[in-house]
Structure formats: structure tokens, C-alpha cells
Amino acid sequence: MKTFFKALLGFLLSLVGLAVVIVIAINVFLDNSLSKRQVFRLVEKHSETILEDIKENNFEDTLAIDGVTGVDSDDLIDINCGGSGIGSQTSCSGFYYNEDDNPVVVYYGSIYHVDESELIAYDKGYSYTEMHSDGTVSDNKYYTERISDGFYYYEWHW
């Protein structure tokens, strides 16, 4: 009987190890995000095309740019450049165009209205940490940085 439980324990530990390897592999293969540097280069190279698409409200040419994974528009134009992670370890990045040329917290094309004091100067841009409704700090973090006139890089970490 002791041998059976040892074998069962070994089998279960092997399954856990295999599950960890699978989750890591999935995370690596699903990471289609551009780095901050790549997003800056993309905007610098394609800003005229993107501005023309914004003017025409037709994002066919923008969506054809390598590295762009989607476009959301509501309050402003939010151009997604991929994401990675699973569950609470999810992150995404991209850039937005704000003709007011102000940094904002953007979420799928909508401005996520926050008090000005919550958008804190950090590095070369601004950071924001989301709060739960009960006032406790969330693990959701946001960063934005100006690229050029009207264009801002962003990244969300959930």
C-alpha cells in the first residue's frame, strides 16, 4: 500500500510540474506585445498614416501596420499593440491619440476618468494605480508617456 501512495504522489507531482510548464509555454506563445521602444518606433514611422485614418475614421491602413492588433475608438483613438499573461498577470500595451495632447488613462478607447492627483509623474511619463471600491489598493497599474504631438504610449498591468 505504501508503494501505491508513493507512486500516486509521484504521478500527481509530475502532473503539477507538467501543468506549470504548459502554463508558462502558453504565456510565452500568447505574448504578442510590442516593447515600449517598438511602439515609439511604430508611431514615429507611421504617424502620417495613422493621422489620415483618424481623419477619415477608417482604420484599414492602421490595422495593416505590423504590430497593431486592434483599434478602439470612443472618447479617443486607442491603438492596441498586443498583450500577454493569464489571469491576474495580464498586461497589454499600445498607444493612443489625444488631440488635446494631454496624458490620460485610456481603457479600450474610453477615457478612464481619474482625479488629476491620481495620475502621478513617474519616469518620463505618468503612472496610475487603480483602487478598489472599498478604498484598498488594487494590483491594476497603468503607465503612459508622450511619444510626440498627441500620441502617447500606454501599458496596463492587471
Protein backbone atom coordinates (compact mmCIF):
# COMPACT_ATOMS: atom_id res chain seq x y z
CA MET A 1 0.00 0.00 0.00
CA LYS A 2 2.90 2.37 0.82
CA THR A 3 4.33 1.82 -2.67
CA PHE A 4 0.98 2.70 -4.23
CA PHE A 5 0.80 6.07 -2.37
CA LYS A 6 4.42 6.88 -3.29
CA ALA A 7 3.66 6.14 -6.94
CA LEU A 8 0.45 8.19 -6.75
CA LEU A 9 2.28 11.12 -5.14
CA GLY A 10 5.00 10.95 -7.81
CA PHE A 11 2.36 10.88 -10.54
CA LEU A 12 0.50 13.89 -9.06
CA LEU A 13 3.71 15.89 -8.68
CA SER A 14 4.55 15.10 -12.31
CA LEU A 15 1.11 16.36 -13.37
CA VAL A 16 1.60 19.59 -11.41
CA GLY A 17 5.02 20.07 -12.99
CA LEU A 18 3.59 19.44 -16.45
CA ALA A 19 0.76 21.91 -15.81
CA VAL A 20 3.27 24.60 -14.78
CA VAL A 21 5.31 24.01 -17.95
CA ILE A 22 2.15 24.19 -20.09
CA VAL A 23 1.01 27.47 -18.48
CA ILE A 24 4.46 29.02 -18.99
CA ALA A 25 4.57 27.82 -22.62
CA ILE A 26 1.10 29.20 -23.33
CA ASN A 27 2.08 32.53 -21.80
CA VAL A 28 5.21 32.73 -23.96
CA PHE A 29 3.38 31.79 -27.17
CA LEU A 30 0.49 34.17 -26.49
CA ASP A 31 2.78 37.15 -25.89
CA ASN A 32 2.25 39.27 -28.99
CA SER A 33 3.00 42.60 -27.36
CA LEU A 34 5.44 45.17 -28.66
CA SER A 35 8.03 46.68 -26.35
CA LYS A 36 7.83 50.36 -25.44
CA ARG A 37 10.69 51.08 -27.83
CA GLN A 38 8.92 49.23 -30.66
CA VAL A 39 5.70 51.21 -30.06
CA PHE A 40 7.62 54.50 -30.17
CA ARG A 41 9.26 53.46 -33.47
CA LEU A 42 5.91 52.35 -34.91
CA VAL A 43 4.34 55.73 -34.16
CA GLU A 44 7.34 57.66 -35.47
CA LYS A 45 7.33 55.66 -38.71
CA HIS A 46 3.56 55.54 -39.33
CA SER A 47 2.13 58.68 -37.68
CA GLU A 48 1.03 60.20 -41.00
CA THR A 49 -0.90 57.06 -41.97
CA ILE A 50 -2.49 56.85 -38.53
CA LEU A 51 -3.49 60.54 -38.55
CA GLU A 52 -5.01 60.13 -42.02
CA ASP A 53 -7.01 57.11 -40.80
CA ILE A 54 -8.18 59.11 -37.78
CA LYS A 55 -9.26 61.96 -40.06
CA GLU A 56 -11.19 59.55 -42.30
CA ASN A 57 -12.44 57.43 -39.37
CA ASN A 58 -11.33 54.34 -41.31
CA PHE A 59 -8.55 52.29 -39.72
CA GLU A 60 -7.87 49.80 -42.50
CA ASP A 61 -4.34 51.12 -43.14
CA THR A 62 -3.54 51.39 -39.42
CA LEU A 63 -4.69 47.80 -38.83
CA ALA A 64 -2.35 46.69 -41.64
CA ILE A 65 0.71 48.02 -39.76
CA ASP A 66 2.81 45.19 -38.37
CA GLY A 67 2.41 45.18 -34.58
CA VAL A 68 -1.05 46.76 -34.44
CA THR A 69 -3.56 44.25 -33.07
CA GLY A 70 -6.66 46.41 -32.85
CA VAL A 71 -8.19 49.87 -32.77
CA ASP A 72 -10.79 51.08 -30.29
CA SER A 73 -12.42 54.45 -30.54
CA ASP A 74 -14.84 56.12 -28.21
CA ASP A 75 -13.51 59.16 -26.37
CA LEU A 76 -10.26 58.94 -28.32
CA ILE A 77 -8.33 56.60 -30.62
CA ASP A 78 -6.69 53.67 -28.79
CA ILE A 79 -4.37 51.53 -30.89
CA ASN A 80 -3.57 48.18 -29.31
CA CYS A 81 -0.15 46.61 -29.77
CA GLY A 82 -0.72 43.26 -28.07
CA GLY A 83 -0.64 41.73 -24.67
CA SER A 84 0.48 38.80 -22.63
CA GLY A 85 -0.27 36.87 -19.50
CA ILE A 86 -3.05 34.89 -17.94
CA GLY A 87 -5.50 35.95 -15.25
CA SER A 88 -4.11 38.46 -12.79
CA GLN A 89 -0.75 38.50 -14.59
CA THR A 90 -2.18 40.04 -17.77
CA SER A 91 -0.67 43.10 -19.42
CA CYS A 92 -1.28 45.00 -22.63
CA SER A 93 0.34 47.91 -24.39
CA GLY A 94 -0.27 50.29 -27.21
CA PHE A 95 -0.72 53.98 -27.84
CA TYR A 96 -3.49 56.49 -28.10
CA TYR A 97 -4.03 59.72 -29.93
CA ASN A 98 -5.43 62.60 -27.90
CA GLU A 99 -5.82 65.78 -29.92
CA ASP A 100 -5.81 67.73 -26.62
CA ASP A 101 -2.22 66.43 -26.22
CA ASN A 102 -2.75 65.51 -22.57
CA PRO A 103 -1.89 62.24 -20.84
CA VAL A 104 -4.95 60.29 -19.77
CA VAL A 105 -5.83 56.84 -18.51
CA VAL A 106 -7.32 55.05 -21.51
CA TYR A 107 -9.22 51.77 -21.47
CA TYR A 108 -10.38 50.33 -24.81
CA GLY A 109 -10.83 53.74 -26.41
CA SER A 110 -12.56 55.31 -23.43
CA ILE A 111 -11.01 57.78 -21.07
CA TYR A 112 -10.96 56.24 -17.62
CA HIS A 113 -11.80 59.30 -15.56
CA VAL A 114 -9.46 59.66 -12.63
CA ASP A 115 -8.71 62.56 -10.34
CA GLU A 116 -5.67 64.53 -11.60
CA SER A 117 -3.85 63.76 -8.36
CA GLU A 118 -4.08 60.03 -9.17
CA LEU A 119 -2.02 60.40 -12.37
CA ILE A 120 1.44 60.71 -10.83
CA ALA A 121 4.63 61.83 -12.62
CA TYR A 122 6.84 58.75 -12.95
CA ASP A 123 9.97 58.12 -15.03
CA LYS A 124 9.35 60.05 -18.29
CA GLY A 125 5.56 59.78 -18.06
CA TYR A 126 2.75 59.18 -15.60
CA SER A 127 1.52 56.23 -13.57
CA TYR A 128 -1.84 55.35 -12.11
CA THR A 129 -2.78 52.67 -9.60
CA GLU A 130 -6.40 51.62 -9.53
CA MET A 131 -8.25 51.50 -6.22
CA HIS A 132 -10.94 49.03 -5.18
CA SER A 133 -14.36 50.43 -4.31
CA ASP A 134 -13.58 49.87 -0.62
CA GLY A 135 -10.53 52.18 -0.89
CA THR A 136 -7.85 49.48 -0.86
CA VAL A 137 -5.10 49.47 -3.47
CA SER A 138 -5.62 47.21 -6.47
CA ASP A 139 -2.83 45.41 -8.33
CA ASN A 140 -4.03 47.08 -11.56
CA LYS A 141 -1.37 49.54 -12.71
CA TYR A 142 -1.15 51.85 -15.71
CA TYR A 143 1.66 53.87 -17.27
CA THR A 144 1.56 56.46 -20.07
CA GLU A 145 4.28 58.50 -21.75
CA ARG A 146 4.23 61.11 -24.52
CA ILE A 147 5.65 59.94 -27.85
CA SER A 148 5.01 63.05 -29.97
CA ASP A 149 2.27 65.66 -30.53
CA GLY A 150 -0.98 63.98 -29.46
CA PHE A 151 0.48 60.45 -29.36
CA TYR A 152 1.01 58.65 -26.04
CA TYR A 153 2.34 55.20 -25.21
CA TYR A 154 0.47 53.21 -22.57
CA GLU A 155 0.68 49.91 -20.75
CA TRP A 156 -1.77 48.22 -18.38
CA HIS A 157 -0.83 45.53 -15.88
CA TRP A 158 -3.76 43.69 -14.27
